[in-house]
Amino acid sequence: MEITVYLANGQSHAFSQPDQNVARMVLADLMPGRLFGSSSIIFGSGANCTLLKTTSVSRIDVLTDAPVPIAPTIRDSARVIESNDEFSLRAKAAVKALGDGVAPGQAYQGYLRFELTGGHSLLVELERVLAQQAQFFTNLHRLVEGPAIMFPHPRGGAIFLNVTNIVSVTASPGFAEYPKGTLLAEPR
């Protein structure tokens, strides 16, 4: 098991757990709500102990071959893209294909860029069919109301985002309709 912690100050820390039995116990403790629900996260071994303030952690990547339970709504519809170039090409193609934005009831293959403190980001491809545009915004609000968002890691394992340290979420393509109160403007 390999763990990378991305911090709000732009730094990262790497940890590993080669013992499969201990790695299974670590996985069992990695519940999104609990992970960011206390004031600190401690990574410890006989050689070293690192205490991190939860508010300073933007993202935690856990790479493992062991199965990680992820909510089916995210597991089945979201795919993390590791390459910024690949993400940009796919997002531009989706914007070009949908022109005026996704209309209600239309299949949505969108690209979400989660900008995090410390200059970190997470790039996600999302496939859904939304009955109404408001459903997308309701679901997005629901995601960022909890303490963490968990995505499947493309190389096995999971990615945990600390919701407190999400700076912005950009969705491409946009939508044909927006809820009341949206500031309608084009990016430059």
Protein backbone atom coordinates (compact mmCIF):
# COMPACT_ATOMS: atom_id res chain seq x y z
CA MET A 1 0.00 0.00 0.00
CA GLU A 2 1.29 3.45 -0.96
CA ILE A 3 -0.20 6.63 0.53
CA THR A 4 0.45 10.17 -0.70
CA VAL A 5 -0.86 13.11 1.31
CA TYR A 6 -1.17 16.46 -0.49
CA LEU A 7 -1.04 19.49 1.79
CA ALA A 8 -2.57 22.97 1.60
CA ASN A 9 0.93 24.51 1.53
CA GLY A 10 1.75 22.73 -1.76
CA GLN A 11 3.91 20.00 -0.21
CA SER A 12 3.21 16.28 -0.09
CA HIS A 13 4.20 13.39 2.17
CA ALA A 14 4.57 9.77 1.05
CA PHE A 15 3.98 6.73 3.25
CA SER A 16 3.91 2.98 2.61
CA GLN A 17 2.67 -0.15 4.31
CA PRO A 18 4.23 -3.34 2.86
CA ASP A 19 2.53 -5.73 5.32
CA GLN A 20 -0.74 -6.84 3.68
CA ASN A 21 -2.42 -7.65 7.00
CA VAL A 22 -1.66 -4.20 8.42
CA ALA A 23 -2.68 -2.63 5.08
CA ARG A 24 -6.13 -4.29 5.38
CA MET A 25 -6.53 -2.79 8.87
CA VAL A 26 -5.50 0.63 7.56
CA LEU A 27 -8.07 0.34 4.74
CA ALA A 28 -10.77 -0.55 7.25
CA ASP A 29 -10.01 2.69 9.13
CA LEU A 30 -10.09 4.87 6.00
CA MET A 31 -13.71 5.94 6.17
CA PRO A 32 -14.14 9.36 4.51
CA GLY A 33 -16.21 10.88 7.33
CA ARG A 34 -13.84 9.67 10.02
CA LEU A 35 -10.66 10.47 8.11
CA PHE A 36 -11.27 14.23 8.05
CA GLY A 37 -13.63 14.30 11.03
CA SER A 38 -11.01 14.92 13.73
CA SER A 39 -8.47 17.69 14.22
CA SER A 40 -5.48 15.59 13.14
CA ILE A 41 -4.42 12.54 11.14
CA ILE A 42 -1.50 10.48 12.44
CA PHE A 43 0.69 8.27 10.26
CA GLY A 44 2.93 6.16 12.45
CA SER A 45 5.45 3.35 12.42
CA GLY A 46 8.31 2.20 14.62
CA ALA A 47 10.67 4.52 12.76
CA ASN A 48 8.58 7.67 12.52
CA CYS A 49 5.35 9.37 13.50
CA THR A 50 3.78 12.20 11.49
CA LEU A 51 0.86 14.22 12.80
CA LEU A 52 -0.94 16.33 10.21
CA LYS A 53 -3.56 18.96 11.00
CA THR A 54 -6.68 17.81 9.16
CA THR A 55 -7.30 21.35 7.91
CA SER A 56 -3.88 21.27 6.18
CA VAL A 57 -4.65 18.12 4.16
CA SER A 58 -6.15 18.70 0.69
CA ARG A 59 -6.11 15.17 -0.69
CA ILE A 60 -5.00 11.65 0.24
CA ASP A 61 -4.26 9.03 -2.43
CA VAL A 62 -4.20 5.39 -1.32
CA LEU A 63 -2.80 2.97 -3.89
CA THR A 64 -3.57 -0.67 -3.16
CA ASP A 65 -4.53 -3.90 -4.89
CA ALA A 66 -7.06 -4.65 -2.14
CA PRO A 67 -10.71 -3.83 -2.84
CA VAL A 68 -11.86 -0.47 -1.44
CA PRO A 69 -15.59 0.03 -0.82
CA ILE A 70 -16.74 3.11 -2.76
CA ALA A 71 -20.34 4.31 -3.06
CA PRO A 72 -21.84 2.82 -6.25
CA THR A 73 -23.11 6.21 -7.44
CA ILE A 74 -19.51 7.44 -7.68
CA ARG A 75 -17.81 4.12 -8.45
CA ASP A 76 -20.08 3.50 -11.46
CA SER A 77 -20.16 7.02 -12.92
CA ALA A 78 -16.86 8.77 -12.10
CA ARG A 79 -13.38 8.10 -13.46
CA VAL A 80 -10.29 9.99 -12.33
CA ILE A 81 -8.03 11.12 -15.18
CA GLU A 82 -4.39 11.49 -14.21
CA SER A 83 -3.17 13.33 -17.30
CA ASN A 84 -4.00 17.04 -17.55
CA ASP A 85 -3.49 16.87 -21.34
CA GLU A 86 -5.91 13.95 -21.74
CA PHE A 87 -8.44 15.70 -19.49
CA SER A 88 -8.20 18.96 -21.48
CA LEU A 89 -8.63 17.18 -24.83
CA ARG A 90 -11.67 15.24 -23.63
CA ALA A 91 -13.25 18.31 -22.02
CA LYS A 92 -12.77 20.41 -25.19
CA ALA A 93 -14.29 17.64 -27.34
CA ALA A 94 -17.31 17.39 -25.01
CA VAL A 95 -17.82 21.18 -25.07
CA LYS A 96 -17.59 21.19 -28.88
CA ALA A 97 -20.05 18.28 -29.20
CA LEU A 98 -22.66 19.84 -26.89
CA GLY A 99 -22.33 23.47 -27.99
CA ASP A 100 -24.97 25.24 -25.91
CA GLY A 101 -24.58 22.97 -22.89
CA VAL A 102 -26.27 19.83 -21.66
CA ALA A 103 -30.07 19.94 -21.77
CA PRO A 104 -32.37 18.22 -19.24
CA GLY A 105 -32.66 14.49 -19.90
CA GLN A 106 -29.56 14.45 -22.09
CA ALA A 107 -26.70 12.08 -21.31
CA TYR A 108 -23.98 14.02 -19.54
CA GLN A 109 -20.36 13.12 -20.07
CA GLY A 110 -18.74 15.92 -18.17
CA TYR A 111 -15.34 16.81 -16.88
CA LEU A 112 -14.95 18.13 -13.35
CA ARG A 113 -11.81 19.92 -12.24
CA PHE A 114 -11.56 20.06 -8.45
CA GLU A 115 -9.07 22.83 -7.58
CA LEU A 116 -7.62 22.29 -4.11
CA THR A 117 -5.56 24.38 -1.74
CA GLY A 118 -1.82 24.14 -2.31
CA GLY A 119 -2.22 24.18 -6.10
CA HIS A 120 -3.36 20.54 -6.14
CA SER A 121 -6.26 19.34 -8.28
CA LEU A 122 -8.29 16.29 -9.17
CA LEU A 123 -9.61 15.67 -12.69
CA VAL A 124 -12.77 13.56 -12.98
CA GLU A 125 -14.80 12.30 -15.93
CA LEU A 126 -18.46 11.93 -14.97
CA GLU A 127 -21.15 10.03 -16.90
CA ARG A 128 -24.78 10.55 -15.91
CA VAL A 129 -28.21 11.22 -17.31
CA LEU A 130 -29.92 13.98 -15.39
CA ALA A 131 -33.68 14.39 -15.38
CA GLN A 132 -33.22 18.09 -14.54
CA GLN A 133 -30.25 20.44 -14.45
CA ALA A 134 -31.05 21.22 -10.83
CA GLN A 135 -30.24 17.57 -10.02
CA PHE A 136 -26.58 18.14 -10.98
CA PHE A 137 -26.29 21.14 -8.67
CA THR A 138 -28.17 19.37 -5.88
CA ASN A 139 -25.80 16.39 -6.15
CA LEU A 140 -22.74 18.66 -6.25
CA HIS A 141 -23.92 20.57 -3.17
CA ARG A 142 -24.56 17.26 -1.39
CA LEU A 143 -21.01 16.10 -2.20
CA VAL A 144 -19.36 19.22 -0.79
CA GLU A 145 -21.50 19.34 2.35
CA GLY A 146 -19.82 16.29 3.88
CA PRO A 147 -16.28 16.15 5.27
CA ALA A 148 -14.82 14.18 2.34
CA ILE A 149 -15.38 12.94 -1.18
CA MET A 150 -14.01 9.55 -2.17
CA PHE A 151 -13.19 8.51 -5.76
CA PRO A 152 -11.73 5.27 -7.13
CA HIS A 153 -8.03 5.66 -7.94
CA PRO A 154 -7.32 4.71 -11.58
CA ARG A 155 -4.40 2.50 -10.49
CA GLY A 156 -6.34 0.77 -7.70
CA GLY A 157 -7.33 2.11 -4.32
CA ALA A 158 -9.03 5.41 -3.55
CA ILE A 159 -8.61 9.18 -3.51
CA PHE A 160 -10.00 11.16 -0.59
CA LEU A 161 -10.65 14.90 -0.97
CA ASN A 162 -10.94 17.04 2.13
CA VAL A 163 -14.02 19.12 1.27
CA THR A 164 -12.76 21.98 3.45
CA ASN A 165 -9.85 22.45 1.04
CA ILE A 166 -11.77 22.45 -2.24
CA VAL A 167 -11.28 25.90 -3.73
CA SER A 168 -13.50 25.44 -6.81
CA VAL A 169 -15.18 22.86 -9.05
CA THR A 170 -15.35 23.59 -12.78
CA ALA A 171 -17.67 21.48 -14.95
CA SER A 172 -17.20 21.22 -18.72
CA PRO A 173 -19.42 21.28 -20.69
CA GLY A 174 -21.81 23.62 -18.95
CA PHE A 175 -25.60 23.42 -19.00
CA ALA A 176 -28.46 24.77 -21.08
CA GLU A 177 -30.34 25.77 -17.91
CA TYR A 178 -29.17 27.02 -14.52
CA PRO A 179 -30.88 27.48 -11.17
CA LYS A 180 -32.09 30.90 -10.11
CA GLY A 181 -29.29 33.03 -8.70
CA THR A 182 -26.60 31.70 -11.06
CA LEU A 183 -24.29 34.41 -12.41
CA LEU A 184 -24.34 33.75 -16.15
CA ALA A 185 -20.90 34.51 -17.56
CA GLU A 186 -18.37 33.03 -19.99
CA PRO A 187 -14.83 32.13 -18.83
CA ARG A 188 -11.99 34.13 -20.39
